[in-house]
């Protein structure tokens, strides 16, 4: 019953524009799903300060909402705030143990930071967490192919050893 009620609320929020959501906020200022929906609208409008403010409100009300941590992590990643993004993705991993997405999001952060072994570990963990997640598989395969290409380019462009010359 609770999930049905929540899903119905989420469907309503998806159908409303930003003005409609802001009107509902006056009636339900502590509704985390509503606050996240408002944040998502601001994200789409590229009003990232407002997006951050609404995600922050939602996390202040429920710091154990894994999805809000995931959305906040994506916002921080997009703003190149990689340490903050990593923190939110790590929290999402703890709170959403059966979901692959936070793992590959964290892998994306590690990739940007140049932590290759951590990157590979998280992409692999995403596939292990949900083997049916096609995006997790695609991201791992793509990253591995890219690494292989980089290694091959390095090998091809590296100067040969001079030891064989007289």
N, C-alpha and C. Protein backbone atom coordinates (compact mmCIF):
# COMPACT_ATOMS: atom_id res chain seq x y z
N UNK A 1 0.83 -1.19 0.00
CA UNK A 1 0.00 0.00 0.00
C UNK A 1 0.87 1.26 0.00
N UNK A 2 1.91 1.27 0.86
CA UNK A 2 2.77 2.44 0.93
C UNK A 2 3.44 2.71 -0.41
N UNK A 3 3.97 1.67 -1.06
CA UNK A 3 4.61 1.84 -2.35
C UNK A 3 3.63 2.32 -3.41
N UNK A 4 2.39 1.81 -3.36
CA UNK A 4 1.37 2.25 -4.32
C UNK A 4 1.06 3.73 -4.12
N UNK A 5 0.94 4.17 -2.87
CA UNK A 5 0.69 5.58 -2.58
C UNK A 5 1.86 6.44 -3.06
N UNK A 6 3.05 5.98 -2.78
CA UNK A 6 4.23 6.74 -3.19
C UNK A 6 4.33 6.81 -4.71
N UNK A 7 4.10 5.69 -5.37
CA UNK A 7 4.15 5.68 -6.83
C UNK A 7 3.10 6.60 -7.44
N UNK A 8 1.92 6.63 -6.85
CA UNK A 8 0.87 7.53 -7.34
C UNK A 8 1.29 8.99 -7.16
N UNK A 9 1.91 9.29 -6.02
CA UNK A 9 2.41 10.65 -5.77
C UNK A 9 3.49 11.03 -6.77
N UNK A 10 4.41 10.10 -7.02
CA UNK A 10 5.48 10.37 -7.97
C UNK A 10 4.94 10.58 -9.38
N UNK A 11 3.93 9.80 -9.74
CA UNK A 11 3.29 10.00 -11.06
C UNK A 11 2.67 11.38 -11.15
N UNK A 12 2.02 11.82 -10.06
CA UNK A 12 1.43 13.16 -10.03
C UNK A 12 2.52 14.21 -10.20
N UNK A 13 3.62 14.06 -9.46
CA UNK A 13 4.71 15.04 -9.54
C UNK A 13 5.31 15.09 -10.94
N UNK A 14 5.43 13.94 -11.58
CA UNK A 14 5.97 13.90 -12.94
C UNK A 14 5.07 14.63 -13.94
N UNK A 15 3.77 14.64 -13.65
CA UNK A 15 2.82 15.26 -14.57
C UNK A 15 2.73 16.78 -14.39
N UNK A 16 3.23 17.28 -13.28
CA UNK A 16 3.11 18.71 -12.99
C UNK A 16 4.30 19.51 -13.52
N UNK A 17 4.04 20.77 -13.84
CA UNK A 17 5.15 21.66 -14.18
C UNK A 17 5.71 22.24 -12.89
N UNK A 18 6.73 23.06 -13.02
CA UNK A 18 7.40 23.61 -11.84
C UNK A 18 6.46 24.44 -10.99
N UNK A 19 5.62 25.25 -11.61
CA UNK A 19 4.68 26.07 -10.83
C UNK A 19 3.74 25.20 -10.00
N UNK A 20 3.27 24.11 -10.60
CA UNK A 20 2.40 23.20 -9.88
C UNK A 20 3.10 22.55 -8.70
N UNK A 21 4.35 22.18 -8.91
CA UNK A 21 5.13 21.57 -7.82
C UNK A 21 5.38 22.56 -6.70
N UNK A 22 5.69 23.80 -7.06
CA UNK A 22 5.93 24.82 -6.04
C UNK A 22 4.67 25.12 -5.24
N UNK A 23 3.52 25.04 -5.88
CA UNK A 23 2.24 25.21 -5.17
C UNK A 23 2.06 24.08 -4.16
N UNK A 24 2.37 22.86 -4.56
CA UNK A 24 2.25 21.72 -3.65
C UNK A 24 3.23 21.82 -2.49
N UNK A 25 4.38 22.43 -2.73
CA UNK A 25 5.39 22.54 -1.68
C UNK A 25 4.84 23.31 -0.48
N UNK A 26 4.01 24.31 -0.73
CA UNK A 26 3.43 25.08 0.36
C UNK A 26 2.57 24.19 1.27
N UNK A 27 1.94 23.19 0.68
CA UNK A 27 1.09 22.26 1.44
C UNK A 27 1.89 21.14 2.09
N UNK A 28 3.01 20.75 1.46
CA UNK A 28 3.80 19.61 1.94
C UNK A 28 5.29 19.93 1.91
N UNK A 29 5.73 20.85 2.77
CA UNK A 29 7.12 21.30 2.71
C UNK A 29 8.15 20.25 3.14
N UNK A 30 7.70 19.14 3.73
CA UNK A 30 8.64 18.10 4.19
C UNK A 30 8.54 16.83 3.36
N UNK A 31 7.90 16.91 2.21
CA UNK A 31 7.77 15.77 1.32
C UNK A 31 9.05 15.65 0.49
N UNK A 32 9.87 14.68 0.84
CA UNK A 32 11.18 14.52 0.20
C UNK A 32 11.03 14.29 -1.31
N UNK A 33 10.09 13.44 -1.69
CA UNK A 33 9.90 13.17 -3.12
C UNK A 33 9.51 14.44 -3.88
N UNK A 34 8.69 15.27 -3.27
CA UNK A 34 8.29 16.53 -3.89
C UNK A 34 9.50 17.45 -4.03
N UNK A 35 10.29 17.56 -2.98
CA UNK A 35 11.48 18.42 -3.03
C UNK A 35 12.46 17.96 -4.10
N UNK A 36 12.64 16.66 -4.21
CA UNK A 36 13.53 16.12 -5.24
C UNK A 36 12.96 16.41 -6.63
N UNK A 37 11.66 16.26 -6.79
CA UNK A 37 11.03 16.56 -8.08
C UNK A 37 11.22 18.02 -8.47
N UNK A 38 11.09 18.90 -7.50
CA UNK A 38 11.34 20.33 -7.77
C UNK A 38 12.80 20.53 -8.16
N UNK A 39 13.70 19.88 -7.42
CA UNK A 39 15.13 19.96 -7.76
C UNK A 39 15.41 19.47 -9.17
N UNK A 40 14.75 18.40 -9.56
CA UNK A 40 14.95 17.86 -10.91
C UNK A 40 14.47 18.86 -11.98
N UNK A 41 13.38 19.53 -11.69
CA UNK A 41 12.90 20.55 -12.64
C UNK A 41 13.92 21.67 -12.78
N UNK A 42 14.46 22.11 -11.65
CA UNK A 42 15.48 23.16 -11.71
C UNK A 42 16.72 22.67 -12.44
N UNK A 43 17.06 21.40 -12.27
CA UNK A 43 18.20 20.84 -12.98
C UNK A 43 17.98 20.93 -14.49
N UNK A 44 16.79 20.53 -14.94
CA UNK A 44 16.47 20.59 -16.37
C UNK A 44 16.51 22.02 -16.90
N UNK A 45 16.18 22.97 -16.04
CA UNK A 45 16.22 24.38 -16.43
C UNK A 45 17.62 24.98 -16.31
N UNK A 46 18.58 24.17 -15.86
CA UNK A 46 19.97 24.58 -15.63
C UNK A 46 20.09 25.64 -14.54
N UNK A 47 19.13 25.66 -13.64
CA UNK A 47 19.19 26.54 -12.46
C UNK A 47 19.77 25.69 -11.33
N UNK A 48 21.08 25.51 -11.41
CA UNK A 48 21.74 24.51 -10.57
C UNK A 48 21.83 24.90 -9.11
N UNK A 49 21.88 26.19 -8.81
CA UNK A 49 21.85 26.61 -7.39
C UNK A 49 20.52 26.23 -6.75
N UNK A 50 19.44 26.44 -7.49
CA UNK A 50 18.11 26.08 -6.97
C UNK A 50 18.00 24.56 -6.84
N UNK A 51 18.52 23.85 -7.83
CA UNK A 51 18.51 22.39 -7.78
C UNK A 51 19.24 21.91 -6.52
N UNK A 52 20.42 22.45 -6.30
CA UNK A 52 21.22 22.08 -5.12
C UNK A 52 20.46 22.39 -3.84
N UNK A 53 19.79 23.53 -3.80
CA UNK A 53 19.05 23.92 -2.60
C UNK A 53 17.93 22.92 -2.30
N UNK A 54 17.22 22.48 -3.32
CA UNK A 54 16.12 21.55 -3.08
C UNK A 54 16.62 20.15 -2.72
N UNK A 55 17.67 19.70 -3.37
CA UNK A 55 18.24 18.41 -2.98
C UNK A 55 18.76 18.48 -1.54
N UNK A 56 19.35 19.60 -1.18
CA UNK A 56 19.85 19.77 0.20
C UNK A 56 18.71 19.76 1.21
N UNK A 57 17.60 20.42 0.87
CA UNK A 57 16.42 20.39 1.76
C UNK A 57 15.95 18.95 1.96
N UNK A 58 15.89 18.21 0.85
CA UNK A 58 15.43 16.82 0.93
C UNK A 58 16.36 15.99 1.81
N UNK A 59 17.65 16.18 1.66
CA UNK A 59 18.61 15.42 2.48
C UNK A 59 18.58 15.84 3.94
N UNK A 60 18.27 17.09 4.21
CA UNK A 60 18.16 17.55 5.59
C UNK A 60 16.97 16.87 6.27
N UNK A 61 15.92 16.63 5.51
CA UNK A 61 14.72 15.97 6.06
C UNK A 61 14.95 14.46 6.18
N UNK A 62 15.56 13.87 5.16
CA UNK A 62 15.80 12.42 5.19
C UNK A 62 17.20 12.12 4.64
N UNK A 63 18.19 12.13 5.52
CA UNK A 63 19.56 11.86 5.07
C UNK A 63 19.79 10.40 4.69
N UNK A 64 18.78 9.55 4.85
CA UNK A 64 18.92 8.14 4.49
C UNK A 64 18.24 7.82 3.17
N UNK A 65 17.86 8.83 2.40
CA UNK A 65 17.24 8.58 1.10
C UNK A 65 18.34 8.42 0.05
N UNK A 66 18.57 7.18 -0.34
CA UNK A 66 19.63 6.87 -1.28
C UNK A 66 19.48 7.53 -2.63
N UNK A 67 18.24 7.65 -3.09
CA UNK A 67 18.01 8.25 -4.41
C UNK A 67 18.38 9.74 -4.40
N UNK A 68 18.08 10.41 -3.31
CA UNK A 68 18.45 11.82 -3.24
C UNK A 68 19.97 11.98 -3.23
N UNK A 69 20.66 11.08 -2.54
CA UNK A 69 22.12 11.11 -2.58
C UNK A 69 22.62 10.88 -4.01
N UNK A 70 21.97 9.99 -4.74
CA UNK A 70 22.35 9.73 -6.12
C UNK A 70 22.16 10.97 -6.98
N UNK A 71 21.00 11.62 -6.83
CA UNK A 71 20.75 12.85 -7.62
C UNK A 71 21.74 13.95 -7.24
N UNK A 72 22.00 14.11 -5.96
CA UNK A 72 22.96 15.14 -5.52
C UNK A 72 24.35 14.82 -6.05
N UNK A 73 24.72 13.54 -6.04
CA UNK A 73 26.00 13.15 -6.59
C UNK A 73 26.12 13.49 -8.06
N UNK A 74 25.07 13.25 -8.81
CA UNK A 74 25.08 13.59 -10.23
C UNK A 74 25.20 15.09 -10.45
N UNK A 75 24.52 15.87 -9.63
CA UNK A 75 24.64 17.32 -9.73
C UNK A 75 26.08 17.74 -9.45
N UNK A 76 26.65 17.23 -8.37
CA UNK A 76 28.03 17.59 -8.01
C UNK A 76 29.02 17.16 -9.09
N UNK A 77 28.80 15.98 -9.65
CA UNK A 77 29.66 15.50 -10.74
C UNK A 77 29.60 16.47 -11.92
N UNK A 78 28.39 16.88 -12.28
CA UNK A 78 28.23 17.82 -13.39
C UNK A 78 28.88 19.16 -13.13
N UNK A 79 29.04 19.51 -11.87
CA UNK A 79 29.69 20.77 -11.49
C UNK A 79 31.19 20.58 -11.25
N UNK A 80 31.70 19.39 -11.55
CA UNK A 80 33.11 19.03 -11.34
C UNK A 80 33.54 19.08 -9.88
N UNK A 81 32.60 18.89 -8.98
CA UNK A 81 32.89 18.79 -7.54
C UNK A 81 33.02 17.30 -7.22
N UNK A 82 34.12 16.71 -7.66
CA UNK A 82 34.25 15.26 -7.65
C UNK A 82 34.31 14.65 -6.26
N UNK A 83 34.96 15.30 -5.31
CA UNK A 83 35.01 14.74 -3.96
C UNK A 83 33.62 14.69 -3.34
N UNK A 84 32.85 15.76 -3.51
CA UNK A 84 31.49 15.78 -2.98
C UNK A 84 30.61 14.77 -3.70
N UNK A 85 30.79 14.65 -5.01
CA UNK A 85 30.02 13.66 -5.78
C UNK A 85 30.34 12.25 -5.26
N UNK A 86 31.63 11.96 -5.08
CA UNK A 86 32.03 10.64 -4.59
C UNK A 86 31.39 10.34 -3.24
N UNK A 87 31.36 11.32 -2.38
CA UNK A 87 30.76 11.14 -1.06
C UNK A 87 29.28 10.76 -1.17
N UNK A 88 28.56 11.46 -2.03
CA UNK A 88 27.13 11.15 -2.20
C UNK A 88 26.93 9.79 -2.86
N UNK A 89 27.75 9.45 -3.85
CA UNK A 89 27.62 8.14 -4.48
C UNK A 89 27.96 7.02 -3.51
N UNK A 90 28.96 7.22 -2.66
CA UNK A 90 29.29 6.20 -1.66
C UNK A 90 28.12 6.00 -0.70
N UNK A 91 27.50 7.08 -0.31
CA UNK A 91 26.33 6.98 0.59
C UNK A 91 25.18 6.28 -0.12
N UNK A 92 24.98 6.59 -1.39
CA UNK A 92 23.92 5.92 -2.16
C UNK A 92 24.18 4.42 -2.26
N UNK A 93 25.44 4.05 -2.42
CA UNK A 93 25.79 2.62 -2.47
C UNK A 93 25.38 1.94 -1.17
N UNK A 94 25.64 2.58 -0.04
CA UNK A 94 25.26 2.01 1.26
C UNK A 94 23.75 1.88 1.39
N UNK A 95 23.03 2.87 0.91
CA UNK A 95 21.58 2.93 1.11
C UNK A 95 20.78 2.17 0.05
N UNK A 96 21.41 1.91 -1.10
CA UNK A 96 20.73 1.20 -2.20
C UNK A 96 21.57 -0.02 -2.59
N UNK A 97 21.66 -1.01 -1.70
CA UNK A 97 22.62 -2.11 -1.92
C UNK A 97 22.36 -2.96 -3.16
N UNK A 98 21.17 -3.00 -3.67
CA UNK A 98 20.88 -3.83 -4.85
C UNK A 98 20.86 -3.05 -6.15
N UNK A 99 21.29 -1.80 -6.13
CA UNK A 99 21.21 -0.93 -7.31
C UNK A 99 22.61 -0.71 -7.87
N UNK A 100 22.78 -0.93 -9.15
CA UNK A 100 24.09 -0.81 -9.80
C UNK A 100 24.49 0.63 -10.06
N UNK A 101 23.54 1.48 -10.34
CA UNK A 101 23.83 2.85 -10.78
C UNK A 101 24.80 3.62 -9.88
N UNK A 102 24.65 3.61 -8.56
CA UNK A 102 25.62 4.36 -7.75
C UNK A 102 27.06 3.89 -7.93
N UNK A 103 27.23 2.60 -8.22
CA UNK A 103 28.57 2.07 -8.43
C UNK A 103 29.19 2.64 -9.71
N UNK A 104 28.43 2.62 -10.82
CA UNK A 104 29.04 3.15 -12.03
C UNK A 104 29.14 4.66 -12.01
N UNK A 105 28.29 5.32 -11.24
CA UNK A 105 28.46 6.77 -11.06
C UNK A 105 29.75 7.06 -10.29
N UNK A 106 30.01 6.29 -9.24
CA UNK A 106 31.25 6.45 -8.49
C UNK A 106 32.46 6.13 -9.37
N UNK A 107 32.32 5.11 -10.22
CA UNK A 107 33.40 4.78 -11.16
C UNK A 107 33.69 5.95 -12.09
N UNK A 108 32.64 6.63 -12.54
CA UNK A 108 32.84 7.80 -13.40
C UNK A 108 33.65 8.88 -12.68
N UNK A 109 33.37 9.07 -11.40
CA UNK A 109 34.12 10.05 -10.61
C UNK A 109 35.59 9.62 -10.53
N UNK A 110 35.82 8.38 -10.17
CA UNK A 110 37.19 7.89 -10.05
C UNK A 110 37.93 8.01 -11.38
N UNK A 111 37.23 7.75 -12.47
CA UNK A 111 37.84 7.88 -13.79
C UNK A 111 38.29 9.33 -14.03
N UNK A 112 37.44 10.28 -13.69
CA UNK A 112 37.80 11.70 -13.84
C UNK A 112 39.00 12.06 -12.98
N UNK A 113 39.11 11.42 -11.82
CA UNK A 113 40.20 11.70 -10.90
C UNK A 113 41.47 10.91 -11.22
N UNK A 114 41.38 10.00 -12.18
CA UNK A 114 42.56 9.22 -12.57
C UNK A 114 42.87 8.03 -11.69
N UNK A 115 41.90 7.57 -10.93
CA UNK A 115 42.08 6.39 -10.08
C UNK A 115 41.61 5.15 -10.85
N UNK A 116 42.48 4.62 -11.71
CA UNK A 116 42.07 3.57 -12.63
C UNK A 116 41.64 2.29 -11.93
N UNK A 117 42.37 1.84 -10.91
CA UNK A 117 41.99 0.58 -10.26
C UNK A 117 40.65 0.73 -9.54
N UNK A 118 40.44 1.87 -8.91
CA UNK A 118 39.14 2.12 -8.26
C UNK A 118 38.02 2.19 -9.29
N UNK A 119 38.33 2.80 -10.43
CA UNK A 119 37.33 2.91 -11.50
C UNK A 119 36.89 1.52 -11.94
N UNK A 120 37.87 0.69 -12.28
CA UNK A 120 37.54 -0.66 -12.73
C UNK A 120 36.78 -1.43 -11.66
N UNK A 121 37.21 -1.30 -10.41
CA UNK A 121 36.55 -2.01 -9.31
C UNK A 121 35.07 -1.63 -9.23
N UNK A 122 34.76 -0.36 -9.34
CA UNK A 122 33.36 0.07 -9.21
C UNK A 122 32.53 -0.31 -10.43
N UNK A 123 33.12 -0.23 -11.64
CA UNK A 123 32.37 -0.69 -12.82
C UNK A 123 32.07 -2.18 -12.69
N UNK A 124 33.04 -2.96 -12.23
CA UNK A 124 32.81 -4.40 -12.05
C UNK A 124 31.78 -4.64 -10.94
N UNK A 125 31.85 -3.86 -9.90
CA UNK A 125 30.89 -4.00 -8.79
C UNK A 125 29.47 -3.68 -9.27
N UNK A 126 29.34 -2.72 -10.17
CA UNK A 126 28.02 -2.40 -10.72
C UNK A 126 27.43 -3.61 -11.44
N UNK A 127 28.24 -4.27 -12.24
CA UNK A 127 27.77 -5.45 -12.97
C UNK A 127 27.45 -6.59 -12.01
N UNK A 128 28.28 -6.77 -10.98
CA UNK A 128 28.02 -7.80 -9.98
C UNK A 128 26.73 -7.52 -9.21
N UNK A 129 26.50 -6.26 -8.91
CA UNK A 129 25.32 -5.88 -8.12
C UNK A 129 24.04 -6.16 -8.88
N UNK A 130 24.03 -5.85 -10.17
CA UNK A 130 22.85 -6.10 -10.99
C UNK A 130 23.27 -6.53 -12.38
N UNK A 131 23.46 -7.85 -12.56
CA UNK A 131 23.91 -8.36 -13.86
C UNK A 131 22.95 -8.04 -15.01
N UNK A 132 21.71 -7.70 -14.70
CA UNK A 132 20.74 -7.37 -15.77
C UNK A 132 20.80 -5.90 -16.17
N UNK A 133 21.60 -5.11 -15.49
CA UNK A 133 21.72 -3.68 -15.81
C UNK A 133 22.60 -3.50 -17.04
N UNK A 134 21.98 -3.27 -18.19
CA UNK A 134 22.73 -3.18 -19.44
C UNK A 134 23.66 -1.97 -19.47
N UNK A 135 23.29 -0.90 -18.81
CA UNK A 135 24.16 0.28 -18.80
C UNK A 135 25.43 -0.01 -18.00
N UNK A 136 25.30 -0.76 -16.92
CA UNK A 136 26.49 -1.14 -16.13
C UNK A 136 27.45 -1.96 -16.98
N UNK A 137 26.92 -2.92 -17.72
CA UNK A 137 27.76 -3.74 -18.60
C UNK A 137 28.40 -2.89 -19.69
N UNK A 138 27.62 -2.01 -20.28
CA UNK A 138 28.13 -1.17 -21.36
C UNK A 138 29.24 -0.25 -20.86
N UNK A 139 29.05 0.32 -19.69
CA UNK A 139 30.05 1.23 -19.14
C UNK A 139 31.36 0.48 -18.84
N UNK A 140 31.26 -0.72 -18.27
CA UNK A 140 32.46 -1.51 -17.99
C UNK A 140 33.17 -1.87 -19.30
N UNK A 141 32.43 -2.40 -20.27
CA UNK A 141 33.04 -2.79 -21.54
C UNK A 141 33.68 -1.60 -22.25
N UNK A 142 33.00 -0.48 -22.25
CA UNK A 142 33.51 0.72 -22.90
C UNK A 142 34.78 1.21 -22.21
N UNK A 143 34.76 1.22 -20.88
CA UNK A 143 35.93 1.69 -20.14
C UNK A 143 37.13 0.76 -20.37
N UNK A 144 36.89 -0.56 -20.34
CA UNK A 144 37.98 -1.51 -20.57
C UNK A 144 38.55 -1.36 -21.98
N UNK A 145 37.69 -1.18 -22.96
CA UNK A 145 38.16 -0.98 -24.34
C UNK A 145 38.98 0.30 -24.45
N UNK A 146 38.53 1.35 -23.78
CA UNK A 146 39.27 2.61 -23.79
C UNK A 146 40.63 2.45 -23.14
N UNK A 147 40.69 1.77 -22.01
CA UNK A 147 41.98 1.54 -21.34
C UNK A 147 42.90 0.74 -22.25
N UNK A 148 42.36 -0.29 -22.91
CA UNK A 148 43.17 -1.11 -23.82
C UNK A 148 43.72 -0.26 -24.95
N UNK A 149 42.91 0.63 -25.47
CA UNK A 149 43.34 1.52 -26.54
C UNK A 149 44.45 2.46 -26.06
N UNK A 150 44.31 2.98 -24.86
CA UNK A 150 45.33 3.87 -24.29
C UNK A 150 46.64 3.12 -24.13
N UNK A 151 46.58 1.92 -23.59
CA UNK A 151 47.79 1.12 -23.38
C UNK A 151 48.44 0.81 -24.72
N UNK A 152 47.64 0.47 -25.71
CA UNK A 152 48.17 0.16 -27.03
C UNK A 152 48.83 1.39 -27.66
N UNK A 153 48.20 2.56 -27.54
CA UNK A 153 48.79 3.79 -28.07
C UNK A 153 50.11 4.13 -27.40
N UNK A 154 50.17 3.92 -26.10
CA UNK A 154 51.41 4.18 -25.37
C UNK A 154 52.51 3.25 -25.87
N UNK A 155 52.17 1.99 -26.05
CA UNK A 155 53.15 1.01 -26.51
C UNK A 155 53.64 1.35 -27.92
N UNK A 156 52.73 1.81 -28.76
CA UNK A 156 53.10 2.11 -30.15
C UNK A 156 53.91 3.40 -30.27
N UNK A 157 53.71 4.33 -29.37
CA UNK A 157 54.40 5.62 -29.48
C UNK A 157 55.63 5.72 -28.60
N UNK A 158 55.84 4.74 -27.76
CA UNK A 158 57.03 4.77 -26.88
C UNK A 158 58.28 4.53 -27.71
N UNK A 159 59.36 5.26 -27.43
CA UNK A 159 60.61 5.02 -28.16
C UNK A 159 61.14 3.63 -27.84
N UNK A 160 61.69 3.01 -28.87
CA UNK A 160 62.26 1.68 -28.68
C UNK A 160 63.55 1.78 -27.88
N UNK A 161 63.86 0.72 -27.23
CA UNK A 161 65.10 0.68 -26.44
C UNK A 161 66.31 0.79 -27.35
N UNK A 162 67.29 1.54 -26.88
CA UNK A 162 68.53 1.73 -27.64
C UNK A 162 69.56 0.65 -27.33
N UNK A 163 69.23 -0.33 -26.52
CA UNK A 163 70.21 -1.34 -26.11
C UNK A 163 70.67 -2.21 -27.28
N UNK A 164 69.83 -2.33 -28.28
CA UNK A 164 70.23 -3.20 -29.38
C UNK A 164 71.13 -2.50 -30.37
N UNK A 165 71.33 -1.20 -30.27
CA UNK A 165 72.21 -0.47 -31.18
C UNK A 165 73.64 -0.58 -30.68
N UNK A 166 74.59 -0.70 -31.64
CA UNK A 166 76.00 -0.83 -31.25
C UNK A 166 76.56 0.44 -30.65
